[in-house]
Amino acid sequence: MTEPPKTRRAEYAEATQSAIVAAARELYARQGYFATTVEEIAKQARVAPATVYAVGGGKQGLLRTLADLWSQAPVVAETMERQSRMTDPEEILRYTAGVVRSMRQDYGDIMRVVLATAPHNPAASEALRLGTDRYRDAVATVAAHLHEAGGLHPDMTVQQATDILWFFFGYAGFTTLVEDNGWTFERAEHWLVQQALTALRTAP
């Protein structure tokens, strides 16, 4: 069934929301959540400050929106669906690593803002908790699939594999290698996959 065309009013509302979210994302990434004001977001989005509150829920609402944009990205569901059809453990892990890399490249700015803000702001802390829960659930799904595909040491549990995968592909892996050490994403991805494969096949 074909959806009715959007009204001009609906199109304007969507464009306004997108502009506000994009402005908040850029300003938060550039100068930090706490240093950014609603007035700055409004100016960059070319709307009134009241619109930022009404449409975006103010600074905290926009932070939650950005966290959802990252943790509920369509590519996550697509990854789980495609990965579920794979049977080779190395293929599963390499594909997963590639998606994690892509997510880090596309949403790393949001992750950094939420991680930096969470210790000092309840709304950011809750956004991080929800995002992390979704992230770890996806990692646990990969671990379970690796177990079914025979990619784990016989004595390793799915929970142990989840912890190992989180160590390599959670928040710290790419951050340490790329941002702290100056590696390319390609080099970091290759190294993380090799180390994870070894760790998953080693007795716990």
N, C-alpha and C. Protein backbone atom coordinates (compact mmCIF):
# COMPACT_ATOMS: atom_id res chain seq x y z
N MET A 1 0.85 -1.19 0.00
CA MET A 1 0.00 0.00 0.00
C MET A 1 0.88 1.24 0.00
N THR A 2 0.63 2.13 -0.95
CA THR A 2 1.43 3.34 -1.08
C THR A 2 1.06 4.36 -0.01
N GLU A 3 2.08 4.89 0.66
CA GLU A 3 1.82 5.89 1.68
C GLU A 3 1.44 7.21 1.01
N PRO A 4 0.53 7.95 1.63
CA PRO A 4 0.15 9.24 1.06
C PRO A 4 1.34 10.19 1.10
N PRO A 5 1.43 11.10 0.14
CA PRO A 5 2.55 12.04 0.13
C PRO A 5 2.54 12.92 1.37
N LYS A 6 3.72 13.29 1.82
CA LYS A 6 3.83 14.15 3.00
C LYS A 6 3.36 15.56 2.67
N THR A 7 2.72 16.17 3.64
CA THR A 7 2.31 17.55 3.45
C THR A 7 3.53 18.46 3.56
N ARG A 8 3.40 19.66 3.05
CA ARG A 8 4.50 20.61 3.16
C ARG A 8 4.81 20.90 4.62
N ARG A 9 3.79 20.90 5.45
CA ARG A 9 3.99 21.15 6.89
C ARG A 9 4.83 20.04 7.51
N ALA A 10 4.53 18.78 7.14
CA ALA A 10 5.27 17.64 7.68
C ALA A 10 6.72 17.66 7.19
N GLU A 11 6.91 18.01 5.93
CA GLU A 11 8.26 18.09 5.38
C GLU A 11 9.07 19.17 6.09
N TYR A 12 8.42 20.29 6.38
CA TYR A 12 9.12 21.38 7.07
C TYR A 12 9.48 20.96 8.49
N ALA A 13 8.57 20.24 9.16
CA ALA A 13 8.84 19.79 10.53
C ALA A 13 10.02 18.83 10.56
N GLU A 14 10.08 17.90 9.60
CA GLU A 14 11.20 16.96 9.53
C GLU A 14 12.51 17.68 9.25
N ALA A 15 12.47 18.63 8.32
CA ALA A 15 13.67 19.38 7.98
C ALA A 15 14.16 20.19 9.17
N THR A 16 13.23 20.76 9.92
CA THR A 16 13.59 21.54 11.10
C THR A 16 14.25 20.66 12.15
N GLN A 17 13.64 19.49 12.41
CA GLN A 17 14.22 18.57 13.39
C GLN A 17 15.60 18.11 12.96
N SER A 18 15.76 17.77 11.69
CA SER A 18 17.06 17.31 11.19
C SER A 18 18.11 18.39 11.34
N ALA A 19 17.74 19.63 11.07
CA ALA A 19 18.69 20.75 11.19
C ALA A 19 19.12 20.94 12.64
N ILE A 20 18.18 20.81 13.56
CA ILE A 20 18.49 20.99 14.98
C ILE A 20 19.40 19.87 15.47
N VAL A 21 19.09 18.65 15.11
CA VAL A 21 19.91 17.51 15.53
C VAL A 21 21.31 17.61 14.94
N ALA A 22 21.40 18.00 13.68
CA ALA A 22 22.71 18.13 13.03
C ALA A 22 23.53 19.24 13.68
N ALA A 23 22.88 20.33 14.05
CA ALA A 23 23.58 21.43 14.70
C ALA A 23 24.09 21.01 16.07
N ALA A 24 23.26 20.32 16.84
CA ALA A 24 23.68 19.84 18.17
C ALA A 24 24.84 18.87 18.04
N ARG A 25 24.75 17.97 17.09
CA ARG A 25 25.82 16.99 16.90
C ARG A 25 27.15 17.68 16.60
N GLU A 26 27.14 18.64 15.71
CA GLU A 26 28.38 19.33 15.34
C GLU A 26 28.94 20.14 16.51
N LEU A 27 28.08 20.83 17.21
CA LEU A 27 28.55 21.68 18.31
C LEU A 27 29.01 20.84 19.50
N TYR A 28 28.28 19.79 19.83
CA TYR A 28 28.70 18.92 20.93
C TYR A 28 30.06 18.31 20.63
N ALA A 29 30.25 17.87 19.39
CA ALA A 29 31.52 17.23 19.02
C ALA A 29 32.67 18.23 19.03
N ARG A 30 32.39 19.47 18.63
CA ARG A 30 33.45 20.46 18.51
C ARG A 30 33.83 21.10 19.83
N GLN A 31 32.84 21.41 20.66
CA GLN A 31 33.15 22.15 21.88
C GLN A 31 32.64 21.52 23.17
N GLY A 32 32.00 20.36 23.03
CA GLY A 32 31.53 19.66 24.22
C GLY A 32 30.10 19.98 24.57
N TYR A 33 29.46 19.06 25.27
CA TYR A 33 28.05 19.23 25.64
C TYR A 33 27.85 20.42 26.56
N PHE A 34 28.65 20.51 27.60
CA PHE A 34 28.42 21.55 28.60
C PHE A 34 28.74 22.95 28.09
N ALA A 35 29.66 23.07 27.16
CA ALA A 35 30.03 24.38 26.63
C ALA A 35 29.07 24.87 25.56
N THR A 36 28.18 23.98 25.09
CA THR A 36 27.23 24.35 24.04
C THR A 36 25.95 24.87 24.66
N THR A 37 25.42 25.95 24.11
CA THR A 37 24.17 26.53 24.60
C THR A 37 23.04 26.27 23.61
N VAL A 38 21.83 26.34 24.11
CA VAL A 38 20.66 26.21 23.24
C VAL A 38 20.66 27.32 22.19
N GLU A 39 21.08 28.50 22.60
CA GLU A 39 21.12 29.62 21.67
C GLU A 39 22.06 29.34 20.49
N GLU A 40 23.20 28.69 20.77
CA GLU A 40 24.14 28.36 19.69
C GLU A 40 23.54 27.32 18.75
N ILE A 41 22.86 26.33 19.33
CA ILE A 41 22.21 25.31 18.50
C ILE A 41 21.16 25.96 17.61
N ALA A 42 20.37 26.85 18.20
CA ALA A 42 19.31 27.53 17.45
C ALA A 42 19.90 28.38 16.32
N LYS A 43 20.97 29.09 16.62
CA LYS A 43 21.58 29.94 15.60
C LYS A 43 22.10 29.11 14.43
N GLN A 44 22.77 28.00 14.74
CA GLN A 44 23.33 27.17 13.68
C GLN A 44 22.23 26.50 12.87
N ALA A 45 21.14 26.12 13.54
CA ALA A 45 20.02 25.46 12.84
C ALA A 45 19.09 26.47 12.19
N ARG A 46 19.31 27.74 12.47
CA ARG A 46 18.50 28.83 11.91
C ARG A 46 17.04 28.72 12.35
N VAL A 47 16.88 28.50 13.66
CA VAL A 47 15.54 28.48 14.26
C VAL A 47 15.58 29.29 15.55
N ALA A 48 14.44 29.48 16.16
CA ALA A 48 14.37 30.18 17.44
C ALA A 48 14.75 29.23 18.57
N PRO A 49 15.35 29.74 19.65
CA PRO A 49 15.68 28.87 20.79
C PRO A 49 14.47 28.07 21.29
N ALA A 50 13.30 28.69 21.27
CA ALA A 50 12.10 27.98 21.73
C ALA A 50 11.83 26.75 20.88
N THR A 51 12.20 26.80 19.62
CA THR A 51 11.99 25.65 18.73
C THR A 51 12.90 24.50 19.10
N VAL A 52 14.10 24.82 19.57
CA VAL A 52 15.02 23.77 20.00
C VAL A 52 14.42 22.99 21.15
N TYR A 53 13.75 23.68 22.07
CA TYR A 53 13.09 23.01 23.19
C TYR A 53 11.86 22.24 22.71
N ALA A 54 11.06 22.87 21.86
CA ALA A 54 9.79 22.27 21.44
C ALA A 54 10.01 21.06 20.54
N VAL A 55 10.98 21.14 19.65
CA VAL A 55 11.20 20.07 18.68
C VAL A 55 12.24 19.06 19.15
N GLY A 56 13.32 19.57 19.77
CA GLY A 56 14.42 18.70 20.15
C GLY A 56 14.47 18.32 21.61
N GLY A 57 13.65 18.94 22.44
CA GLY A 57 13.69 18.63 23.86
C GLY A 57 14.86 19.27 24.59
N GLY A 58 15.39 20.36 24.01
CA GLY A 58 16.52 21.04 24.65
C GLY A 58 17.80 20.24 24.50
N LYS A 59 18.82 20.63 25.23
CA LYS A 59 20.12 19.96 25.11
C LYS A 59 20.07 18.49 25.49
N GLN A 60 19.36 18.18 26.59
CA GLN A 60 19.31 16.79 27.03
C GLN A 60 18.52 15.92 26.07
N GLY A 61 17.43 16.44 25.57
CA GLY A 61 16.64 15.68 24.60
C GLY A 61 17.43 15.40 23.33
N LEU A 62 18.21 16.38 22.92
CA LEU A 62 19.03 16.20 21.72
C LEU A 62 20.14 15.19 21.95
N LEU A 63 20.68 15.17 23.16
CA LEU A 63 21.72 14.18 23.46
C LEU A 63 21.15 12.77 23.41
N ARG A 64 19.95 12.60 23.94
CA ARG A 64 19.29 11.28 23.87
C ARG A 64 19.00 10.89 22.42
N THR A 65 18.58 11.86 21.63
CA THR A 65 18.31 11.59 20.22
C THR A 65 19.57 11.13 19.50
N LEU A 66 20.68 11.79 19.78
CA LEU A 66 21.95 11.42 19.16
C LEU A 66 22.39 10.03 19.60
N ALA A 67 22.20 9.72 20.89
CA ALA A 67 22.57 8.39 21.39
C ALA A 67 21.73 7.31 20.70
N ASP A 68 20.45 7.59 20.47
CA ASP A 68 19.59 6.63 19.77
C ASP A 68 20.00 6.50 18.31
N LEU A 69 20.39 7.62 17.72
CA LEU A 69 20.83 7.61 16.33
C LEU A 69 21.99 6.65 16.14
N TRP A 70 22.88 6.62 17.12
CA TRP A 70 24.03 5.72 17.07
C TRP A 70 23.63 4.28 17.42
N SER A 71 23.00 4.10 18.59
CA SER A 71 22.77 2.73 19.08
C SER A 71 21.62 2.01 18.39
N GLN A 72 20.77 2.74 17.69
CA GLN A 72 19.67 2.10 16.97
C GLN A 72 19.81 2.28 15.46
N ALA A 73 21.04 2.48 15.01
CA ALA A 73 21.29 2.64 13.57
C ALA A 73 20.79 1.41 12.83
N PRO A 74 20.14 1.59 11.67
CA PRO A 74 19.61 0.44 10.91
C PRO A 74 20.66 -0.61 10.59
N VAL A 75 21.92 -0.20 10.48
CA VAL A 75 22.97 -1.16 10.12
C VAL A 75 23.13 -2.24 11.18
N VAL A 76 22.74 -1.96 12.43
CA VAL A 76 22.88 -2.96 13.50
C VAL A 76 21.96 -4.15 13.22
N ALA A 77 20.69 -3.88 12.93
CA ALA A 77 19.75 -4.96 12.64
C ALA A 77 20.15 -5.69 11.35
N GLU A 78 20.59 -4.93 10.36
CA GLU A 78 21.03 -5.54 9.10
C GLU A 78 22.22 -6.47 9.34
N THR A 79 23.13 -6.03 10.21
CA THR A 79 24.30 -6.85 10.52
C THR A 79 23.91 -8.16 11.19
N MET A 80 23.01 -8.07 12.17
CA MET A 80 22.58 -9.28 12.87
C MET A 80 21.91 -10.26 11.92
N GLU A 81 21.11 -9.73 11.00
CA GLU A 81 20.40 -10.60 10.06
C GLU A 81 21.36 -11.27 9.09
N ARG A 82 22.30 -10.50 8.54
CA ARG A 82 23.24 -11.06 7.58
C ARG A 82 24.22 -12.01 8.27
N GLN A 83 24.69 -11.60 9.44
CA GLN A 83 25.66 -12.42 10.16
C GLN A 83 25.07 -13.77 10.57
N SER A 84 23.75 -13.80 10.81
CA SER A 84 23.10 -15.04 11.24
C SER A 84 23.14 -16.12 10.17
N ARG A 85 23.37 -15.72 8.92
CA ARG A 85 23.41 -16.70 7.83
C ARG A 85 24.82 -17.21 7.56
N MET A 86 25.81 -16.67 8.24
CA MET A 86 27.20 -17.09 8.03
C MET A 86 27.50 -18.32 8.89
N THR A 87 28.39 -19.16 8.39
CA THR A 87 28.73 -20.39 9.12
C THR A 87 30.22 -20.50 9.45
N ASP A 88 31.05 -19.67 8.82
CA ASP A 88 32.49 -19.71 9.08
C ASP A 88 32.85 -18.72 10.19
N PRO A 89 33.44 -19.19 11.29
CA PRO A 89 33.75 -18.29 12.42
C PRO A 89 34.59 -17.07 12.03
N GLU A 90 35.59 -17.27 11.19
CA GLU A 90 36.44 -16.14 10.79
C GLU A 90 35.65 -15.13 9.98
N GLU A 91 34.77 -15.62 9.12
CA GLU A 91 33.94 -14.72 8.33
C GLU A 91 33.02 -13.92 9.24
N ILE A 92 32.45 -14.60 10.23
CA ILE A 92 31.56 -13.93 11.19
C ILE A 92 32.30 -12.80 11.90
N LEU A 93 33.50 -13.11 12.38
CA LEU A 93 34.25 -12.13 13.15
C LEU A 93 34.74 -10.98 12.27
N ARG A 94 35.21 -11.30 11.08
CA ARG A 94 35.70 -10.25 10.18
C ARG A 94 34.56 -9.33 9.74
N TYR A 95 33.43 -9.90 9.48
CA TYR A 95 32.27 -9.08 9.09
C TYR A 95 31.85 -8.19 10.25
N THR A 96 31.80 -8.76 11.45
CA THR A 96 31.43 -7.99 12.63
C THR A 96 32.41 -6.85 12.86
N ALA A 97 33.71 -7.14 12.74
CA ALA A 97 34.73 -6.11 12.94
C ALA A 97 34.58 -4.98 11.93
N GLY A 98 34.24 -5.34 10.69
CA GLY A 98 34.06 -4.33 9.67
C GLY A 98 32.90 -3.40 9.98
N VAL A 99 31.83 -3.97 10.52
CA VAL A 99 30.67 -3.16 10.89
C VAL A 99 31.00 -2.26 12.09
N VAL A 100 31.71 -2.81 13.07
CA VAL A 100 32.12 -2.00 14.23
C VAL A 100 32.98 -0.83 13.77
N ARG A 101 33.89 -1.11 12.86
CA ARG A 101 34.74 -0.04 12.32
C ARG A 101 33.88 1.02 11.63
N SER A 102 32.94 0.58 10.81
CA SER A 102 32.07 1.52 10.10
C SER A 102 31.25 2.35 11.09
N MET A 103 30.73 1.70 12.13
CA MET A 103 29.96 2.42 13.14
C MET A 103 30.83 3.45 13.85
N ARG A 104 32.07 3.06 14.15
CA ARG A 104 32.97 3.98 14.83
C ARG A 104 33.29 5.19 13.94
N GLN A 105 33.45 4.95 12.65
CA GLN A 105 33.73 6.05 11.73
C GLN A 105 32.51 6.95 11.55
N ASP A 106 31.32 6.36 11.55
CA ASP A 106 30.10 7.14 11.33
C ASP A 106 29.56 7.81 12.59
N TYR A 107 29.74 7.15 13.74
CA TYR A 107 29.13 7.65 14.98
C TYR A 107 30.12 7.86 16.12
N GLY A 108 31.41 7.79 15.82
CA GLY A 108 32.41 7.97 16.87
C GLY A 108 32.30 9.29 17.59
N ASP A 109 31.91 10.35 16.87
CA ASP A 109 31.76 11.66 17.51
C ASP A 109 30.68 11.63 18.58
N ILE A 110 29.57 10.92 18.28
CA ILE A 110 28.49 10.82 19.26
C ILE A 110 28.93 10.00 20.47
N MET A 111 29.60 8.88 20.21
CA MET A 111 30.08 8.04 21.31
C MET A 111 30.98 8.84 22.25
N ARG A 112 31.89 9.61 21.68
CA ARG A 112 32.81 10.39 22.51
C ARG A 112 32.07 11.40 23.37
N VAL A 113 31.08 12.07 22.80
CA VAL A 113 30.31 13.06 23.56
C VAL A 113 29.55 12.40 24.70
N VAL A 114 28.88 11.30 24.42
CA VAL A 114 28.09 10.62 25.46
C VAL A 114 29.00 10.08 26.55
N LEU A 115 30.12 9.46 26.17
CA LEU A 115 31.05 8.91 27.16
C LEU A 115 31.65 10.01 28.03
N ALA A 116 31.96 11.15 27.44
CA ALA A 116 32.56 12.24 28.20
C ALA A 116 31.56 12.93 29.11
N THR A 117 30.30 12.96 28.70
CA THR A 117 29.27 13.69 29.45
C THR A 117 28.62 12.84 30.54
N ALA A 118 28.54 11.54 30.33
CA ALA A 118 27.80 10.65 31.23
C ALA A 118 28.20 10.75 32.70
N PRO A 119 29.50 10.85 33.05
CA PRO A 119 29.85 10.90 34.48
C PRO A 119 29.34 12.15 35.20
N HIS A 120 28.91 13.15 34.45
CA HIS A 120 28.55 14.43 35.06
C HIS A 120 27.11 14.85 34.79
N ASN A 121 26.34 13.98 34.11
CA ASN A 121 24.98 14.37 33.74
C ASN A 121 24.07 13.14 33.73
N PRO A 122 22.98 13.16 34.52
CA PRO A 122 22.09 11.99 34.61
C PRO A 122 21.49 11.58 33.28
N ALA A 123 21.09 12.56 32.46
CA ALA A 123 20.49 12.22 31.17
C ALA A 123 21.49 11.53 30.27
N ALA A 124 22.73 12.03 30.27
CA ALA A 124 23.78 11.40 29.46
C ALA A 124 24.11 10.03 29.99
N SER A 125 24.11 9.89 31.32
CA SER A 125 24.39 8.59 31.94
C SER A 125 23.34 7.57 31.53
N GLU A 126 22.07 7.97 31.50
CA GLU A 126 21.01 7.06 31.10
C GLU A 126 21.11 6.73 29.61
N ALA A 127 21.46 7.73 28.80
CA ALA A 127 21.63 7.49 27.36
C ALA A 127 22.77 6.51 27.12
N LEU A 128 23.84 6.65 27.89
CA LEU A 128 24.97 5.74 27.75
C LEU A 128 24.58 4.33 28.19
N ARG A 129 23.82 4.23 29.28
CA ARG A 129 23.40 2.92 29.76
C ARG A 129 22.56 2.19 28.70
N LEU A 130 21.62 2.91 28.11
CA LEU A 130 20.77 2.30 27.08
C LEU A 130 21.60 1.91 25.85
N GLY A 131 22.48 2.82 25.44
CA GLY A 131 23.31 2.55 24.28
C GLY A 131 24.23 1.36 24.52
N THR A 132 24.80 1.29 25.71
CA THR A 132 25.72 0.20 26.04
C THR A 132 24.97 -1.13 26.12
N ASP A 133 23.76 -1.11 26.68
CA ASP A 133 22.96 -2.33 26.74
C ASP A 133 22.69 -2.87 25.34
N ARG A 134 22.33 -1.98 24.42
CA ARG A 134 22.07 -2.41 23.05
C ARG A 134 23.35 -2.94 22.39
N TYR A 135 24.43 -2.25 22.64
CA TYR A 135 25.73 -2.62 22.07
C TYR A 135 26.15 -4.00 22.56
N ARG A 136 26.07 -4.20 23.88
CA ARG A 136 26.49 -5.47 24.45
C ARG A 136 25.56 -6.60 24.04
N ASP A 137 24.28 -6.32 23.88
CA ASP A 137 23.35 -7.35 23.41
C ASP A 137 23.75 -7.83 22.02
N ALA A 138 24.15 -6.89 21.17
CA ALA A 138 24.59 -7.25 19.82
C ALA A 138 25.86 -8.09 19.88
N VAL A 139 26.78 -7.72 20.76
CA VAL A 139 28.03 -8.47 20.92
C VAL A 139 27.72 -9.87 21.44
N ALA A 140 26.79 -9.98 22.37
CA ALA A 140 26.42 -11.30 22.91
C ALA A 140 25.81 -12.18 21.83
N THR A 141 25.07 -11.58 20.91
CA THR A 141 24.49 -12.34 19.81
C THR A 141 25.59 -12.90 18.91
N VAL A 142 26.61 -12.10 18.67
CA VAL A 142 27.75 -12.56 17.86
C VAL A 142 28.46 -13.70 18.58
N ALA A 143 28.66 -13.57 19.89
CA ALA A 143 29.33 -14.61 20.67
C ALA A 143 28.55 -15.93 20.60
N ALA A 144 27.24 -15.85 20.71
CA ALA A 144 26.41 -17.05 20.64
C ALA A 144 26.52 -17.70 19.26
N HIS A 145 26.55 -16.88 18.24
CA HIS A 145 26.67 -17.42 16.89
C HIS A 145 28.03 -18.06 16.67
N LEU A 146 29.08 -17.45 17.19
CA LEU A 146 30.42 -18.04 17.10
C LEU A 146 30.46 -19.39 17.81
N HIS A 147 29.78 -19.46 18.94
CA HIS A 147 29.71 -20.73 19.68
C HIS A 147 29.04 -21.80 18.81
N GLU A 148 27.92 -21.46 18.19
CA GLU A 148 27.20 -22.41 17.34
C GLU A 148 28.04 -22.83 16.13
N ALA A 149 28.87 -21.90 15.64
CA ALA A 149 29.68 -22.17 14.46
C ALA A 149 30.99 -22.87 14.78
N GLY A 150 31.23 -23.14 16.07
CA GLY A 150 32.46 -23.82 16.47
C GLY A 150 33.67 -22.91 16.50
N GLY A 151 33.45 -21.64 16.74
CA GLY A 151 34.57 -20.69 16.73
C GLY A 151 35.18 -20.42 18.08
N LEU A 152 34.72 -21.10 19.14
CA LEU A 152 35.25 -20.88 20.48
C LEU A 152 36.01 -22.11 20.97
N HIS A 153 36.90 -21.89 21.92
CA HIS A 153 37.55 -23.02 22.59
C HIS A 153 36.45 -23.87 23.25
N PRO A 154 36.58 -25.18 23.23
CA PRO A 154 35.55 -26.05 23.80
C PRO A 154 35.16 -25.72 25.23
N ASP A 155 36.10 -25.18 26.02
CA ASP A 155 35.81 -24.89 27.42
C ASP A 155 35.30 -23.47 27.64
N MET A 156 35.15 -22.70 26.58
CA MET A 156 34.75 -21.30 26.72
C MET A 156 33.23 -21.17 26.64
N THR A 157 32.66 -20.42 27.58
CA THR A 157 31.22 -20.17 27.57
C THR A 157 30.90 -18.97 26.67
N VAL A 158 29.64 -18.83 26.34
CA VAL A 158 29.21 -17.69 25.53
C VAL A 158 29.44 -16.39 26.30
N GLN A 159 29.22 -16.42 27.61
CA GLN A 159 29.45 -15.21 28.40
C GLN A 159 30.92 -14.81 28.38
N GLN A 160 31.81 -15.78 28.49
CA GLN A 160 33.24 -15.48 28.43
C GLN A 160 33.61 -14.92 27.06
N ALA A 161 33.03 -15.49 26.01
CA ALA A 161 33.29 -15.00 24.66
C ALA A 161 32.75 -13.58 24.48
N THR A 162 31.61 -13.31 25.09
CA THR A 162 31.04 -11.95 25.03
C THR A 162 31.98 -10.95 25.66
N ASP A 163 32.54 -11.32 26.81
CA ASP A 163 33.48 -10.43 27.50
C ASP A 163 34.73 -10.18 26.65
N ILE A 164 35.22 -11.23 26.01
CA ILE A 164 36.41 -11.08 25.17
C ILE A 164 36.11 -10.18 23.97
N LEU A 165 34.98 -10.41 23.32
CA LEU A 165 34.60 -9.58 22.18
C LEU A 165 34.40 -8.13 22.59
N TRP A 166 33.85 -7.93 23.78
CA TRP A 166 33.66 -6.55 24.26
C TRP A 166 35.01 -5.87 24.49
N PHE A 167 35.98 -6.62 24.99
CA PHE A 167 37.32 -6.07 25.21
C PHE A 167 37.90 -5.54 23.90
N PHE A 168 37.74 -6.31 22.84
CA PHE A 168 38.32 -5.92 21.56
C PHE A 168 37.44 -4.96 20.76
N PHE A 169 36.12 -5.16 20.83
CA PHE A 169 35.23 -4.41 19.94
C PHE A 169 34.22 -3.53 20.67
N GLY A 170 34.43 -3.33 21.97
CA GLY A 170 33.61 -2.38 22.70
C GLY A 170 34.10 -0.96 22.43
N TYR A 171 34.04 -0.11 23.43
CA TYR A 171 34.43 1.29 23.23
C TYR A 171 35.94 1.48 23.09
N ALA A 172 36.73 0.63 23.76
CA ALA A 172 38.15 0.94 23.92
C ALA A 172 39.03 0.55 22.74
N GLY A 173 38.72 -0.55 22.06
CA GLY A 173 39.62 -1.09 21.05
C GLY A 173 40.04 -0.10 19.98
N PHE A 174 39.09 0.33 19.18
CA PHE A 174 39.40 1.27 18.11
C PHE A 174 39.85 2.62 18.65
N THR A 175 39.28 3.03 19.78
CA THR A 175 39.67 4.32 20.37
C THR A 175 41.15 4.34 20.71
N THR A 176 41.60 3.30 21.39
CA THR A 176 43.01 3.24 21.79
C THR A 176 43.94 3.19 20.58
N LEU A 177 43.62 2.32 19.65
CA LEU A 177 44.53 2.12 18.52
C LEU A 177 44.52 3.30 17.53
N VAL A 178 43.34 3.83 17.24
CA VAL A 178 43.24 4.88 16.23
C VAL A 178 43.47 6.28 16.81
N GLU A 179 42.75 6.59 17.90
CA GLU A 179 42.83 7.95 18.43
C GLU A 179 44.07 8.16 19.30
N ASP A 180 44.41 7.18 20.11
CA ASP A 180 45.57 7.34 21.00
C ASP A 180 46.88 6.99 20.31
N ASN A 181 46.88 5.90 19.53
CA ASN A 181 48.12 5.43 18.92
C ASN A 181 48.34 5.91 17.50
N GLY A 182 47.31 6.47 16.89
CA GLY A 182 47.48 7.00 15.54
C GLY A 182 47.44 5.97 14.43
N TRP A 183 46.93 4.76 14.72
CA TRP A 183 46.82 3.75 13.68
C TRP A 183 45.71 4.13 12.70
N THR A 184 45.77 3.56 11.50
CA THR A 184 44.65 3.70 10.58
C THR A 184 43.54 2.75 11.03
N PHE A 185 42.32 3.03 10.60
CA PHE A 185 41.21 2.13 10.94
C PHE A 185 41.45 0.74 10.34
N GLU A 186 42.01 0.71 9.14
CA GLU A 186 42.27 -0.57 8.49
C GLU A 186 43.25 -1.41 9.29
N ARG A 187 44.35 -0.80 9.74
CA ARG A 187 45.34 -1.53 10.52
C ARG A 187 44.74 -1.99 11.85
N ALA A 188 43.99 -1.11 12.49
CA ALA A 188 43.38 -1.46 13.77
C ALA A 188 42.39 -2.61 13.62
N GLU A 189 41.58 -2.56 12.58
CA GLU A 189 40.59 -3.62 12.35
C GLU A 189 41.28 -4.97 12.16
N HIS A 190 42.32 -4.99 11.33
CA HIS A 190 43.04 -6.24 11.07
C HIS A 190 43.65 -6.80 12.36
N TRP A 191 44.28 -5.95 13.14
CA TRP A 191 44.92 -6.41 14.38
C TRP A 191 43.89 -6.92 15.38
N LEU A 192 42.79 -6.19 15.54
CA LEU A 192 41.77 -6.59 16.50
C LEU A 192 41.16 -7.95 16.13
N VAL A 193 40.94 -8.18 14.85
CA VAL A 193 40.39 -9.46 14.41
C VAL A 193 41.36 -10.60 14.74
N GLN A 194 42.64 -10.41 14.42
CA GLN A 194 43.63 -11.46 14.67
C GLN A 194 43.74 -11.77 16.15
N GLN A 195 43.77 -10.75 16.97
CA GLN A 195 43.90 -10.97 18.42
C GLN A 195 42.64 -11.60 19.00
N ALA A 196 41.48 -11.18 18.51
CA ALA A 196 40.23 -11.75 19.01
C ALA A 196 40.11 -13.23 18.63
N LEU A 197 40.50 -13.57 17.41
CA LEU A 197 40.45 -14.97 16.98
C LEU A 197 41.32 -15.84 17.89
N THR A 198 42.52 -15.35 18.21
CA THR A 198 43.42 -16.11 19.09
C THR A 198 42.83 -16.26 20.48
N ALA A 199 42.28 -15.17 21.01
CA ALA A 199 41.74 -15.18 22.37
C ALA A 199 40.53 -16.11 22.47
N LEU A 200 39.70 -16.13 21.46
CA LEU A 200 38.50 -16.95 21.49
C LEU A 200 38.81 -18.45 21.37
N ARG A 201 39.99 -18.76 20.84
CA ARG A 201 40.37 -20.17 20.68
C ARG A 201 41.32 -20.64 21.78
N THR A 202 41.57 -19.77 22.74
CA THR A 202 42.47 -20.12 23.83
C THR A 202 41.65 -20.54 25.05
N ALA A 203 42.12 -21.51 25.79
CA ALA A 203 41.40 -21.98 26.98
C ALA A 203 41.22 -20.86 27.96
N PRO A 204 40.02 -20.67 28.50
CA PRO A 204 39.74 -19.58 29.44
C PRO A 204 40.42 -19.85 30.79
